[in-house]
Amino acid sequence: MAINLSTHYGGIALKNPIVIGASNIVTDPENLVKLEKAGAAAIVYKSLFEEQLQLEQFQLEQQQEAYSNWDAEHDTFFPRVKHAGPAEHILRLRDAKRKISIPLIGSLNCTHDETWEQFAVEMAGSGIDGLELNFYNNNTYFDLEANEIERKQLQTLKRVRAAVNIPIFVKLSPYYSNPLRMIELMDQAQADGFVLFNRLFQPDIDIDKEEHHFPYNFSSEADNRLALRYAGLLHKKVSGSIISNTGVHNGRDVVKMLLAGADAVQVVSAVYKKGIQYIETMLSELEGWMKKKGYESLDDFRGKLSKENLADPFAYKRAQYVDILMKSEIFMQYHPKRGELDHGHDDL
């Protein structure tokens, strides 16, 4: 039986559903070739962050001013130069595009309306096949209202959509009052796909040194449940593609996301932890499961367990959680004193 793993990613055709998410691993040209050879269907290049460019510009200005007005004859020892902005990143995108034949998607995060549009246009001109708007928003302001954040993100999407003619994807965090409504509004604004969800950076504290430190935390398989839930809720409810991100570590995780309703997945941590060649294993696991079940294409089972296709009205509701708590065998299994009520615990 011939297995067809092809799928779609917005307006981009993919040979299979495994896409490499934005990370440092893709900045090495040799890794790009290895990722394609291992079977990756597309690659999202490392994000261009405007904040990083601003920091580099500030550091350059500090260096130039270090010896200002040294004496009457020297205003400065350095030539007056300006930071190149996104030029280096655009060059890297062009080089990456030449290295591989699979689709290359850029990723962008900005702080100003003008630069969102400017950088998007410049990145689109590099030859990339699509653009991911990384709506990373880590607020520290108490007076910033939620509707203002959402309004600005929608405005940014519409502005970029009007400026470029390649597929646009939005990478979102789950921290909206109603993510479904926000995604629906972005779908109406002609986003081509939704990456669920952004794994936001979080600092930690070293209690011995009494200072902050910044570990790089890989995802775990348990982290994929939120993306799975929303893939199931969104299947056939929006026009854009659904791409599950975070916690996709093996072929079985890929199957889960497709059953829920995702069109594709993004993988990062699994490649870091198990190596680039592990993509081959993930694809083999996916194919093996499909053969076992008698499925010839992804469309044969995509969304089979989505809210759209389930007869059980409570599968995606809190009532299912309540049902679990009411099952005595589950309660007995986890309760420390088998059968004795402990009113100090509200959940499992």
C-alpha atoms as a PDB file:
ATOM      1  CA  MET A   1       0.000   0.000   0.000  1.00  0.00           C
ATOM      2  CA  ALA A   2       1.449   3.352  -1.078  1.00  0.00           C
ATOM      3  CA  ILE A   3       1.453   5.958   1.693  1.00  0.00           C
ATOM      4  CA  ASN A   4       0.911   9.613   0.810  1.00  0.00           C
ATOM      5  CA  LEU A   5       2.211  11.971   3.518  1.00  0.00           C
ATOM      6  CA  SER A   6       1.693  15.196   1.576  1.00  0.00           C
ATOM      7  CA  THR A   7      -0.157  18.051   3.237  1.00  0.00           C
ATOM      8  CA  HIS A   8      -0.578  21.809   2.983  1.00  0.00           C
ATOM      9  CA  TYR A   9       0.789  24.678   5.067  1.00  0.00           C
ATOM     10  CA  GLY A  10      -1.309  27.664   4.176  1.00  0.00           C
ATOM     11  CA  GLY A  11      -0.594  28.184   0.499  1.00  0.00           C
ATOM     12  CA  ILE A  12       2.529  26.000   0.608  1.00  0.00           C
ATOM     13  CA  ALA A  13       2.510  22.350  -0.474  1.00  0.00           C
ATOM     14  CA  LEU A  14       4.540  20.027   1.772  1.00  0.00           C
ATOM     15  CA  LYS A  15       5.779  16.493   1.129  1.00  0.00           C
ATOM     16  CA  ASN A  16       5.000  15.532   4.740  1.00  0.00           C
ATOM     17  CA  PRO A  17       3.731  17.273   7.907  1.00  0.00           C
ATOM     18  CA  ILE A  18       7.075  17.723   9.733  1.00  0.00           C
ATOM     19  CA  VAL A  19       8.409  21.277   9.668  1.00  0.00           C
ATOM     20  CA  ILE A  20      11.511  22.424  11.539  1.00  0.00           C
ATOM     21  CA  GLY A  21      10.622  25.369  13.767  1.00  0.00           C
ATOM     22  CA  ALA A  22      12.675  28.540  14.190  1.00  0.00           C
ATOM     23  CA  SER A  23      15.843  27.947  16.219  1.00  0.00           C
ATOM     24  CA  ASN A  24      19.615  28.367  16.169  1.00  0.00           C
ATOM     25  CA  ILE A  25      20.067  24.921  14.643  1.00  0.00           C
ATOM     26  CA  VAL A  26      18.993  26.220  11.218  1.00  0.00           C
ATOM     27  CA  THR A  27      21.603  28.997  11.113  1.00  0.00           C
ATOM     28  CA  ASP A  28      24.327  26.475  10.206  1.00  0.00           C
ATOM     29  CA  PRO A  29      24.186  25.995   6.393  1.00  0.00           C
ATOM     30  CA  GLU A  30      25.311  22.374   6.768  1.00  0.00           C
ATOM     31  CA  ASN A  31      22.400  21.677   9.109  1.00  0.00           C
ATOM     32  CA  LEU A  32      19.965  23.012   6.533  1.00  0.00           C
ATOM     33  CA  VAL A  33      21.139  20.413   4.035  1.00  0.00           C
ATOM     34  CA  LYS A  34      21.080  17.656   6.661  1.00  0.00           C
ATOM     35  CA  LEU A  35      17.545  18.579   7.742  1.00  0.00           C
ATOM     36  CA  GLU A  36      16.285  18.365   4.156  1.00  0.00           C
ATOM     37  CA  LYS A  37      18.079  15.070   3.593  1.00  0.00           C
ATOM     38  CA  ALA A  38      16.575  13.631   6.805  1.00  0.00           C
ATOM     39  CA  GLY A  39      13.096  14.343   5.475  1.00  0.00           C
ATOM     40  CA  ALA A  40      12.045  17.738   6.850  1.00  0.00           C
ATOM     41  CA  ALA A  41       9.245  19.121   4.663  1.00  0.00           C
ATOM     42  CA  ALA A  42      10.041  22.796   5.331  1.00  0.00           C
ATOM     43  CA  ILE A  43      12.229  24.948   7.570  1.00  0.00           C
ATOM     44  CA  VAL A  44      11.360  28.062   9.534  1.00  0.00           C
ATOM     45  CA  TYR A  45      14.503  30.194   9.766  1.00  0.00           C
ATOM     46  CA  LYS A  46      15.618  31.707  13.069  1.00  0.00           C
ATOM     47  CA  SER A  47      13.522  34.752  13.996  1.00  0.00           C
ATOM     48  CA  LEU A  48      14.591  38.287  13.236  1.00  0.00           C
ATOM     49  CA  PHE A  49      13.969  40.284  16.431  1.00  0.00           C
ATOM     50  CA  GLU A  50      13.923  44.047  16.152  1.00  0.00           C
ATOM     51  CA  GLU A  51      14.868  44.273  19.835  1.00  0.00           C
ATOM     52  CA  GLN A  52      18.143  42.486  19.050  1.00  0.00           C
ATOM     53  CA  LEU A  53      18.915  44.987  16.298  1.00  0.00           C
ATOM     54  CA  GLN A  54      18.168  47.844  18.686  1.00  0.00           C
ATOM     55  CA  LEU A  55      20.574  46.374  21.247  1.00  0.00           C
ATOM     56  CA  GLU A  56      23.306  45.987  18.636  1.00  0.00           C
ATOM     57  CA  GLN A  57      22.749  49.586  17.491  1.00  0.00           C
ATOM     58  CA  PHE A  58      23.050  50.820  21.077  1.00  0.00           C
ATOM     59  CA  GLN A  59      26.277  48.868  21.618  1.00  0.00           C
ATOM     60  CA  LEU A  60      27.741  50.261  18.383  1.00  0.00           C
ATOM     61  CA  GLU A  61      26.930  53.818  19.449  1.00  0.00           C
ATOM     62  CA  GLN A  62      28.548  53.225  22.834  1.00  0.00           C
ATOM     63  CA  GLN A  63      31.736  51.987  21.170  1.00  0.00           C
ATOM     64  CA  GLN A  64      31.824  54.989  18.868  1.00  0.00           C
ATOM     65  CA  GLU A  65      31.381  57.404  21.759  1.00  0.00           C
ATOM     66  CA  ALA A  66      33.928  55.721  24.017  1.00  0.00           C
ATOM     67  CA  TYR A  67      36.713  58.133  23.056  1.00  0.00           C
ATOM     68  CA  SER A  68      34.694  61.164  21.979  1.00  0.00           C
ATOM     69  CA  ASN A  69      36.439  64.525  22.346  1.00  0.00           C
ATOM     70  CA  TRP A  70      39.674  62.848  23.392  1.00  0.00           C
ATOM     71  CA  ASP A  71      41.589  66.055  22.718  1.00  0.00           C
ATOM     72  CA  ALA A  72      41.343  69.228  20.671  1.00  0.00           C
ATOM     73  CA  GLU A  73      42.405  67.429  17.513  1.00  0.00           C
ATOM     74  CA  HIS A  74      40.264  64.300  17.840  1.00  0.00           C
ATOM     75  CA  ASP A  75      36.493  64.398  18.012  1.00  0.00           C
ATOM     76  CA  THR A  76      36.520  60.603  17.786  1.00  0.00           C
ATOM     77  CA  PHE A  77      38.873  57.805  16.775  1.00  0.00           C
ATOM     78  CA  PHE A  78      36.165  55.839  14.965  1.00  0.00           C
ATOM     79  CA  PRO A  79      34.483  56.404  11.609  1.00  0.00           C
ATOM     80  CA  ARG A  80      30.816  57.355  11.787  1.00  0.00           C
ATOM     81  CA  VAL A  81      28.954  54.251  10.676  1.00  0.00           C
ATOM     82  CA  LYS A  82      25.383  53.104  11.066  1.00  0.00           C
ATOM     83  CA  HIS A  83      24.107  49.679  11.998  1.00  0.00           C
ATOM     84  CA  ALA A  84      23.080  47.700   8.924  1.00  0.00           C
ATOM     85  CA  GLY A  85      19.682  46.817  10.394  1.00  0.00           C
ATOM     86  CA  PRO A  86      18.207  43.597   8.999  1.00  0.00           C
ATOM     87  CA  ALA A  87      20.664  43.415   6.079  1.00  0.00           C
ATOM     88  CA  GLU A  88      22.755  40.575   7.542  1.00  0.00           C
ATOM     89  CA  HIS A  89      19.636  38.535   8.338  1.00  0.00           C
ATOM     90  CA  ILE A  90      18.288  39.068   4.810  1.00  0.00           C
ATOM     91  CA  LEU A  91      21.614  37.883   3.393  1.00  0.00           C
ATOM     92  CA  ARG A  92      21.432  34.731   5.524  1.00  0.00           C
ATOM     93  CA  LEU A  93      17.899  34.072   4.277  1.00  0.00           C
ATOM     94  CA  ARG A  94      19.068  34.350   0.658  1.00  0.00           C
ATOM     95  CA  ASP A  95      21.941  31.946   1.304  1.00  0.00           C
ATOM     96  CA  ALA A  96      19.650  29.488   3.112  1.00  0.00           C
ATOM     97  CA  LYS A  97      17.146  29.564   0.259  1.00  0.00           C
ATOM     98  CA  ARG A  98      19.899  28.641  -2.198  1.00  0.00           C
ATOM     99  CA  LYS A  99      21.021  25.738  -0.015  1.00  0.00           C
ATOM    100  CA  ILE A 100      17.738  23.817   0.052  1.00  0.00           C
ATOM    101  CA  SER A 101      14.930  22.891  -2.303  1.00  0.00           C
ATOM    102  CA  ILE A 102      12.216  22.525   0.357  1.00  0.00           C
ATOM    103  CA  PRO A 103      10.194  25.612   1.412  1.00  0.00           C
ATOM    104  CA  LEU A 104      11.928  28.163   3.635  1.00  0.00           C
ATOM    105  CA  ILE A 105       9.810  30.330   5.919  1.00  0.00           C
ATOM    106  CA  GLY A 106      11.051  33.491   7.607  1.00  0.00           C
ATOM    107  CA  SER A 107      10.121  34.506  11.149  1.00  0.00           C
ATOM    108  CA  LEU A 108       9.760  38.088  12.362  1.00  0.00           C
ATOM    109  CA  ASN A 109       9.128  39.971  15.605  1.00  0.00           C
ATOM    110  CA  CYS A 110       9.143  43.782  15.744  1.00  0.00           C
ATOM    111  CA  THR A 111       8.290  46.542  18.193  1.00  0.00           C
ATOM    112  CA  HIS A 112       7.092  49.279  15.834  1.00  0.00           C
ATOM    113  CA  ASP A 113       4.381  49.352  13.171  1.00  0.00           C
ATOM    114  CA  GLU A 114       6.721  50.771  10.537  1.00  0.00           C
ATOM    115  CA  THR A 115       9.416  48.140  11.029  1.00  0.00           C
ATOM    116  CA  TRP A 116       6.925  45.255  10.941  1.00  0.00           C
ATOM    117  CA  GLU A 117       6.042  46.345   7.419  1.00  0.00           C
ATOM    118  CA  GLN A 118       9.557  47.355   6.350  1.00  0.00           C
ATOM    119  CA  PHE A 119      11.270  44.179   7.539  1.00  0.00           C
ATOM    120  CA  ALA A 120       8.454  41.985   6.187  1.00  0.00           C
ATOM    121  CA  VAL A 121       8.873  43.489   2.726  1.00  0.00           C
ATOM    122  CA  GLU A 122      12.664  43.062   2.832  1.00  0.00           C
ATOM    123  CA  MET A 123      12.382  39.466   4.029  1.00  0.00           C
ATOM    124  CA  ALA A 124       9.805  38.640   1.343  1.00  0.00           C
ATOM    125  CA  GLY A 125      12.244  40.013  -1.218  1.00  0.00           C
ATOM    126  CA  SER A 126      14.859  37.455  -0.154  1.00  0.00           C
ATOM    127  CA  GLY A 127      12.919  34.677  -1.896  1.00  0.00           C
ATOM    128  CA  ILE A 128      11.424  32.948   1.143  1.00  0.00           C
ATOM    129  CA  ASP A 129       8.253  30.944   0.590  1.00  0.00           C
ATOM    130  CA  GLY A 130       6.322  32.299   3.559  1.00  0.00           C
ATOM    131  CA  LEU A 131       6.576  34.581   6.581  1.00  0.00           C
ATOM    132  CA  GLU A 132       5.790  33.778  10.204  1.00  0.00           C
ATOM    133  CA  LEU A 133       4.781  36.738  12.371  1.00  0.00           C
ATOM    134  CA  ASN A 134       6.047  35.880  15.826  1.00  0.00           C
ATOM    135  CA  PHE A 135       3.592  37.697  18.089  1.00  0.00           C
ATOM    136  CA  TYR A 136       5.765  37.371  21.172  1.00  0.00           C
ATOM    137  CA  ASN A 137       4.288  39.722  23.759  1.00  0.00           C
ATOM    138  CA  ASN A 138       5.711  39.487  27.277  1.00  0.00           C
ATOM    139  CA  ASN A 139       4.159  42.432  29.070  1.00  0.00           C
ATOM    140  CA  THR A 140       5.419  44.042  32.254  1.00  0.00           C
ATOM    141  CA  TYR A 141       2.938  46.940  32.282  1.00  0.00           C
ATOM    142  CA  PHE A 142      -0.107  46.832  34.537  1.00  0.00           C
ATOM    143  CA  ASP A 143      -1.953  49.585  32.682  1.00  0.00           C
ATOM    144  CA  LEU A 144      -1.849  47.948  29.230  1.00  0.00           C
ATOM    145  CA  GLU A 145      -5.311  46.589  28.475  1.00  0.00           C
ATOM    146  CA  ALA A 146      -5.823  43.263  26.733  1.00  0.00           C
ATOM    147  CA  ASN A 147      -7.975  44.665  23.935  1.00  0.00           C
ATOM    148  CA  GLU A 148      -5.203  47.130  23.054  1.00  0.00           C
ATOM    149  CA  ILE A 149      -2.706  44.281  22.630  1.00  0.00           C
ATOM    150  CA  GLU A 150      -5.123  42.357  20.439  1.00  0.00           C
ATOM    151  CA  ARG A 151      -6.045  45.418  18.388  1.00  0.00           C
ATOM    152  CA  LYS A 152      -2.406  46.172  17.697  1.00  0.00           C
ATOM    153  CA  GLN A 153      -1.628  42.601  16.631  1.00  0.00           C
ATOM    154  CA  LEU A 154      -4.573  42.559  14.256  1.00  0.00           C
ATOM    155  CA  GLN A 155      -3.484  45.910  12.847  1.00  0.00           C
ATOM    156  CA  THR A 156       0.042  44.544  12.335  1.00  0.00           C
ATOM    157  CA  LEU A 157      -1.262  41.470  10.545  1.00  0.00           C
ATOM    158  CA  LYS A 158      -3.424  43.559   8.215  1.00  0.00           C
ATOM    159  CA  ARG A 159      -0.560  45.949   7.505  1.00  0.00           C
ATOM    160  CA  VAL A 160       1.874  43.161   6.643  1.00  0.00           C
ATOM    161  CA  ARG A 161      -0.783  41.284   4.657  1.00  0.00           C
ATOM    162  CA  ALA A 162      -1.281  44.364   2.471  1.00  0.00           C
ATOM    163  CA  ALA A 163       2.477  44.781   1.963  1.00  0.00           C
ATOM    164  CA  VAL A 164       3.582  41.289   0.890  1.00  0.00           C
ATOM    165  CA  ASN A 165       2.128  38.646  -1.400  1.00  0.00           C
ATOM    166  CA  ILE A 166       3.584  35.482   0.148  1.00  0.00           C
ATOM    167  CA  PRO A 167       1.750  33.265   2.668  1.00  0.00           C
ATOM    168  CA  ILE A 168       1.643  34.746   6.178  1.00  0.00           C
ATOM    169  CA  PHE A 169       1.444  32.696   9.350  1.00  0.00           C
ATOM    170  CA  VAL A 170       0.946  33.925  12.892  1.00  0.00           C
ATOM    171  CA  LYS A 171       2.703  32.250  15.807  1.00  0.00           C
ATOM    172  CA  LEU A 172       0.600  32.886  18.883  1.00  0.00           C
ATOM    173  CA  SER A 173       0.837  32.402  22.625  1.00  0.00           C
ATOM    174  CA  PRO A 174      -2.115  30.814  24.464  1.00  0.00           C
ATOM    175  CA  TYR A 175      -2.402  33.822  26.770  1.00  0.00           C
ATOM    176  CA  TYR A 176      -5.484  35.500  25.367  1.00  0.00           C
ATOM    177  CA  SER A 177      -8.788  35.774  27.211  1.00  0.00           C
ATOM    178  CA  ASN A 178     -10.316  33.910  24.264  1.00  0.00           C
ATOM    179  CA  PRO A 179      -7.715  32.483  21.857  1.00  0.00           C
ATOM    180  CA  LEU A 180     -10.443  31.081  19.612  1.00  0.00           C
ATOM    181  CA  ARG A 181     -11.923  34.512  19.003  1.00  0.00           C
ATOM    182  CA  MET A 182      -8.500  36.035  18.353  1.00  0.00           C
ATOM    183  CA  ILE A 183      -7.654  33.315  15.843  1.00  0.00           C
ATOM    184  CA  GLU A 184     -11.029  33.789  14.151  1.00  0.00           C
ATOM    185  CA  LEU A 185     -10.358  37.516  13.760  1.00  0.00           C
ATOM    186  CA  MET A 186      -6.896  36.829  12.344  1.00  0.00           C
ATOM    187  CA  ASP A 187      -8.412  34.291   9.983  1.00  0.00           C
ATOM    188  CA  GLN A 188     -10.773  36.994   8.751  1.00  0.00           C
ATOM    189  CA  ALA A 189      -7.723  39.241   8.297  1.00  0.00           C
ATOM    190  CA  GLN A 190      -6.398  36.631   5.820  1.00  0.00           C
ATOM    191  CA  ALA A 191      -3.729  34.895   7.866  1.00  0.00           C
ATOM    192  CA  ASP A 192      -2.777  31.739   5.977  1.00  0.00           C
ATOM    193  CA  GLY A 193      -2.040  29.666   9.060  1.00  0.00           C
ATOM    194  CA  PHE A 194      -1.722  29.567  12.839  1.00  0.00           C
ATOM    195  CA  VAL A 195       1.235  28.145  14.773  1.00  0.00           C
ATOM    196  CA  LEU A 196       0.016  26.930  18.169  1.00  0.00           C
ATOM    197  CA  PHE A 197       1.696  27.844  20.436  1.00  0.00           C
ATOM    198  CA  ASN A 198       4.688  30.091  21.043  1.00  0.00           C
ATOM    199  CA  ARG A 199       6.909  28.753  23.813  1.00  0.00           C
ATOM    200  CA  LEU A 200       7.623  31.964  25.698  1.00  0.00           C
ATOM    201  CA  PHE A 201      10.958  32.546  27.372  1.00  0.00           C
ATOM    202  CA  GLN A 202      10.824  32.434  31.162  1.00  0.00           C
ATOM    203  CA  PRO A 203      13.682  33.307  33.543  1.00  0.00           C
ATOM    204  CA  ASP A 204      14.627  31.247  36.602  1.00  0.00           C
ATOM    205  CA  ILE A 205      16.284  32.097  39.929  1.00  0.00           C
ATOM    206  CA  ASP A 206      19.447  30.560  41.339  1.00  0.00           C
ATOM    207  CA  ILE A 207      18.694  30.505  45.079  1.00  0.00           C
ATOM    208  CA  ASP A 208      22.349  29.867  46.021  1.00  0.00           C
ATOM    209  CA  LYS A 209      23.689  32.863  44.103  1.00  0.00           C
ATOM    210  CA  GLU A 210      20.456  34.805  44.651  1.00  0.00           C
ATOM    211  CA  GLU A 211      20.352  35.963  41.067  1.00  0.00           C
ATOM    212  CA  HIS A 212      18.444  35.369  37.882  1.00  0.00           C
ATOM    213  CA  HIS A 213      19.707  32.887  35.354  1.00  0.00           C
ATOM    214  CA  PHE A 214      18.389  32.043  31.944  1.00  0.00           C
ATOM    215  CA  PRO A 215      18.287  28.317  31.170  1.00  0.00           C
ATOM    216  CA  TYR A 216      17.389  26.925  27.774  1.00  0.00           C
ATOM    217  CA  ASN A 217      14.437  24.668  28.489  1.00  0.00           C
ATOM    218  CA  PHE A 218      13.455  21.990  26.019  1.00  0.00           C
ATOM    219  CA  SER A 219       9.811  21.042  25.731  1.00  0.00           C
ATOM    220  CA  SER A 220       8.446  17.723  26.962  1.00  0.00           C
ATOM    221  CA  GLU A 221       5.765  15.522  25.432  1.00  0.00           C
ATOM    222  CA  ALA A 222       3.301  16.709  28.083  1.00  0.00           C
ATOM    223  CA  ASP A 223       3.610  20.232  26.659  1.00  0.00           C
ATOM    224  CA  ASN A 224       1.748  19.300  23.475  1.00  0.00           C
ATOM    225  CA  ARG A 225      -1.682  18.865  25.060  1.00  0.00           C
ATOM    226  CA  LEU A 226      -2.677  22.512  24.783  1.00  0.00           C
ATOM    227  CA  ALA A 227      -1.814  22.627  21.085  1.00  0.00           C
ATOM    228  CA  LEU A 228      -3.672  19.348  20.602  1.00  0.00           C
ATOM    229  CA  ARG A 229      -6.780  20.752  22.277  1.00  0.00           C
ATOM    230  CA  TYR A 230      -6.878  23.873  20.127  1.00  0.00           C
ATOM    231  CA  ALA A 231      -6.148  21.945  16.946  1.00  0.00           C
ATOM    232  CA  GLY A 232      -9.246  19.903  17.741  1.00  0.00           C
ATOM    233  CA  LEU A 233     -11.338  22.982  18.427  1.00  0.00           C
ATOM    234  CA  LEU A 234     -10.220  24.834  15.286  1.00  0.00           C
ATOM    235  CA  HIS A 235     -10.436  22.030  12.722  1.00  0.00           C
ATOM    236  CA  LYS A 236     -12.754  23.157   9.896  1.00  0.00           C
ATOM    237  CA  LYS A 237     -13.635  26.326  11.836  1.00  0.00           C
ATOM    238  CA  VAL A 238     -11.051  28.562  10.152  1.00  0.00           C
ATOM    239  CA  SER A 239      -9.732  28.835   6.593  1.00  0.00           C
ATOM    240  CA  GLY A 240      -6.064  29.007   7.587  1.00  0.00           C
ATOM    241  CA  SER A 241      -3.908  25.970   8.301  1.00  0.00           C
ATOM    242  CA  ILE A 242      -3.418  24.727  11.857  1.00  0.00           C
ATOM    243  CA  ILE A 243       0.189  23.970  12.799  1.00  0.00           C
ATOM    244  CA  SER A 244       0.834  22.359  16.182  1.00  0.00           C
ATOM    245  CA  ASN A 245       4.018  23.466  17.924  1.00  0.00           C
ATOM    246  CA  THR A 246       5.695  22.548  21.234  1.00  0.00           C
ATOM    247  CA  GLY A 247       6.050  19.041  22.641  1.00  0.00           C
ATOM    248  CA  VAL A 248       6.058  17.128  19.339  1.00  0.00           C
ATOM    249  CA  HIS A 249       8.782  14.588  20.106  1.00  0.00           C
ATOM    250  CA  ASN A 250       8.041  11.473  18.052  1.00  0.00           C
ATOM    251  CA  GLY A 251       5.884  10.026  15.315  1.00  0.00           C
ATOM    252  CA  ARG A 252       3.082   9.215  17.732  1.00  0.00           C
ATOM    253  CA  ASP A 253       2.874  12.894  18.701  1.00  0.00           C
ATOM    254  CA  VAL A 254       2.562  13.781  15.023  1.00  0.00           C
ATOM    255  CA  VAL A 255      -0.302  11.293  14.672  1.00  0.00           C
ATOM    256  CA  LYS A 256      -2.072  12.791  17.702  1.00  0.00           C
ATOM    257  CA  MET A 257      -1.942  16.282  16.240  1.00  0.00           C
ATOM    258  CA  LEU A 258      -3.233  15.127  12.871  1.00  0.00           C
ATOM    259  CA  LEU A 259      -6.069  13.186  14.492  1.00  0.00           C
ATOM    260  CA  ALA A 260      -7.028  16.329  16.394  1.00  0.00           C
ATOM    261  CA  GLY A 261      -7.084  18.359  13.182  1.00  0.00           C
ATOM    262  CA  ALA A 262      -3.646  19.880  12.606  1.00  0.00           C
ATOM    263  CA  ASP A 263      -2.355  20.202   9.044  1.00  0.00           C
ATOM    264  CA  ALA A 264       1.299  20.050  10.073  1.00  0.00           C
ATOM    265  CA  VAL A 265       3.601  20.249  13.096  1.00  0.00           C
ATOM    266  CA  GLN A 266       6.723  22.174  14.009  1.00  0.00           C
ATOM    267  CA  VAL A 267       9.587  20.298  15.654  1.00  0.00           C
ATOM    268  CA  VAL A 268      12.599  21.737  17.498  1.00  0.00           C
ATOM    269  CA  SER A 269      13.408  20.083  20.846  1.00  0.00           C
ATOM    270  CA  ALA A 270      13.269  16.543  19.422  1.00  0.00           C
ATOM    271  CA  VAL A 271      15.962  17.446  16.875  1.00  0.00           C
ATOM    272  CA  TYR A 272      18.170  19.062  19.520  1.00  0.00           C
ATOM    273  CA  LYS A 273      17.827  16.113  21.901  1.00  0.00           C
ATOM    274  CA  LYS A 274      17.929  13.192  19.449  1.00  0.00           C
ATOM    275  CA  GLY A 275      19.732  14.563  16.424  1.00  0.00           C
ATOM    276  CA  ILE A 276      18.749  15.616  12.929  1.00  0.00           C
ATOM    277  CA  GLN A 277      18.473  12.029  11.691  1.00  0.00           C
ATOM    278  CA  TYR A 278      15.617  11.447  14.147  1.00  0.00           C
ATOM    279  CA  ILE A 279      13.280  13.076  11.622  1.00  0.00           C
ATOM    280  CA  GLU A 280      13.584   9.861   9.605  1.00  0.00           C
ATOM    281  CA  THR A 281      12.433   7.878  12.636  1.00  0.00           C
ATOM    282  CA  MET A 282       9.453  10.158  13.186  1.00  0.00           C
ATOM    283  CA  LEU A 283       8.367   9.781   9.565  1.00  0.00           C
ATOM    284  CA  SER A 284       8.838   6.021   9.748  1.00  0.00           C
ATOM    285  CA  GLU A 285       6.660   5.871  12.876  1.00  0.00           C
ATOM    286  CA  LEU A 286       3.971   7.923  11.152  1.00  0.00           C
ATOM    287  CA  GLU A 287       4.001   5.683   8.071  1.00  0.00           C
ATOM    288  CA  GLY A 288       4.024   2.536  10.201  1.00  0.00           C
ATOM    289  CA  TRP A 289       0.954   3.664  12.136  1.00  0.00           C
ATOM    290  CA  MET A 290      -0.888   4.560   8.925  1.00  0.00           C
ATOM    291  CA  LYS A 291      -0.149   1.145   7.384  1.00  0.00           C
ATOM    292  CA  LYS A 292      -1.317  -0.590  10.534  1.00  0.00           C
ATOM    293  CA  LYS A 293      -4.591   1.379  10.461  1.00  0.00           C
ATOM    294  CA  GLY A 294      -5.077   1.059   6.711  1.00  0.00           C
ATOM    295  CA  TYR A 295      -4.815   4.801   5.956  1.00  0.00           C
ATOM    296  CA  GLU A 296      -3.315   5.787   2.606  1.00  0.00           C
ATOM    297  CA  SER A 297      -3.202   9.576   3.108  1.00  0.00           C
ATOM    298  CA  LEU A 298      -3.324  12.111   5.925  1.00  0.00           C
ATOM    299  CA  ASP A 299      -6.743  13.255   4.764  1.00  0.00           C
ATOM    300  CA  ASP A 300      -8.090   9.790   5.623  1.00  0.00           C
ATOM    301  CA  PHE A 301      -7.796  10.522   9.342  1.00  0.00           C
ATOM    302  CA  ARG A 302      -7.018  14.232   9.759  1.00  0.00           C
ATOM    303  CA  GLY A 303      -9.465  15.719  12.261  1.00  0.00           C
ATOM    304  CA  LYS A 304     -11.075  12.360  13.030  1.00  0.00           C
ATOM    305  CA  LEU A 305     -10.980  13.248  16.726  1.00  0.00           C
ATOM    306  CA  SER A 306     -11.660  16.968  16.361  1.00  0.00           C
ATOM    307  CA  LYS A 307     -14.646  18.624  17.983  1.00  0.00           C
ATOM    308  CA  GLU A 308     -16.199  18.878  14.527  1.00  0.00           C
ATOM    309  CA  ASN A 309     -16.260  15.111  14.065  1.00  0.00           C
ATOM    310  CA  LEU A 310     -16.926  13.815  17.589  1.00  0.00           C
ATOM    311  CA  ALA A 311     -20.380  12.788  18.701  1.00  0.00           C
ATOM    312  CA  ASP A 312     -19.392  13.327  22.347  1.00  0.00           C
ATOM    313  CA  PRO A 313     -20.275  16.992  23.064  1.00  0.00           C
ATOM    314  CA  PHE A 314     -18.123  17.044  26.209  1.00  0.00           C
ATOM    315  CA  ALA A 315     -14.779  15.791  24.865  1.00  0.00           C
ATOM    316  CA  TYR A 316     -13.403  19.332  24.581  1.00  0.00           C
ATOM    317  CA  LYS A 317     -15.250  20.787  27.575  1.00  0.00           C
ATOM    318  CA  ARG A 318     -14.493  20.965  31.288  1.00  0.00           C
ATOM    319  CA  ALA A 319     -17.309  18.454  31.853  1.00  0.00           C
ATOM    320  CA  GLN A 320     -14.855  15.768  30.711  1.00  0.00           C
ATOM    321  CA  TYR A 321     -12.515  16.750  33.554  1.00  0.00           C
ATOM    322  CA  VAL A 322     -15.364  16.518  36.042  1.00  0.00           C
ATOM    323  CA  ASP A 323     -16.235  13.087  34.643  1.00  0.00           C
ATOM    324  CA  ILE A 324     -12.676  11.894  35.283  1.00  0.00           C
ATOM    325  CA  LEU A 325     -12.852  13.034  38.886  1.00  0.00           C
ATOM    326  CA  MET A 326     -16.112  11.176  39.357  1.00  0.00           C
ATOM    327  CA  LYS A 327     -14.691   7.835  38.238  1.00  0.00           C
ATOM    328  CA  SER A 328     -13.966   5.930  41.403  1.00  0.00           C
ATOM    329  CA  GLU A 329     -11.220   3.741  39.903  1.00  0.00           C
ATOM    330  CA  ILE A 330      -9.189   6.808  38.902  1.00  0.00           C
ATOM    331  CA  PHE A 331      -9.774   8.407  42.292  1.00  0.00           C
ATOM    332  CA  MET A 332      -8.731   5.231  44.115  1.00  0.00           C
ATOM    333  CA  GLN A 333      -5.607   4.870  41.998  1.00  0.00           C
ATOM    334  CA  TYR A 334      -4.215   8.299  42.825  1.00  0.00           C
ATOM    335  CA  HIS A 335      -5.569   8.857  46.323  1.00  0.00           C
ATOM    336  CA  PRO A 336      -2.896   8.300  49.004  1.00  0.00           C
ATOM    337  CA  LYS A 337      -5.281   6.603  51.442  1.00  0.00           C
ATOM    338  CA  ARG A 338      -7.387   4.438  49.155  1.00  0.00           C
ATOM    339  CA  GLY A 339     -11.000   5.263  49.755  1.00  0.00           C
ATOM    340  CA  GLU A 340     -10.558   7.945  52.395  1.00  0.00           C
ATOM    341  CA  LEU A 341     -11.687  11.405  51.402  1.00  0.00           C
ATOM    342  CA  ASP A 342      -9.079  14.136  51.569  1.00  0.00           C
ATOM    343  CA  HIS A 343     -10.835  17.483  51.437  1.00  0.00           C
ATOM    344  CA  GLY A 344      -7.527  19.294  51.109  1.00  0.00           C
ATOM    345  CA  HIS A 345      -7.134  18.277  47.438  1.00  0.00           C
ATOM    346  CA  ASP A 346      -9.245  19.769  44.686  1.00  0.00           C
ATOM    347  CA  ASP A 347      -7.718  17.902  41.768  1.00  0.00           C
ATOM    348  CA  LEU A 348      -5.634  14.893  40.911  1.00  0.00           C
END
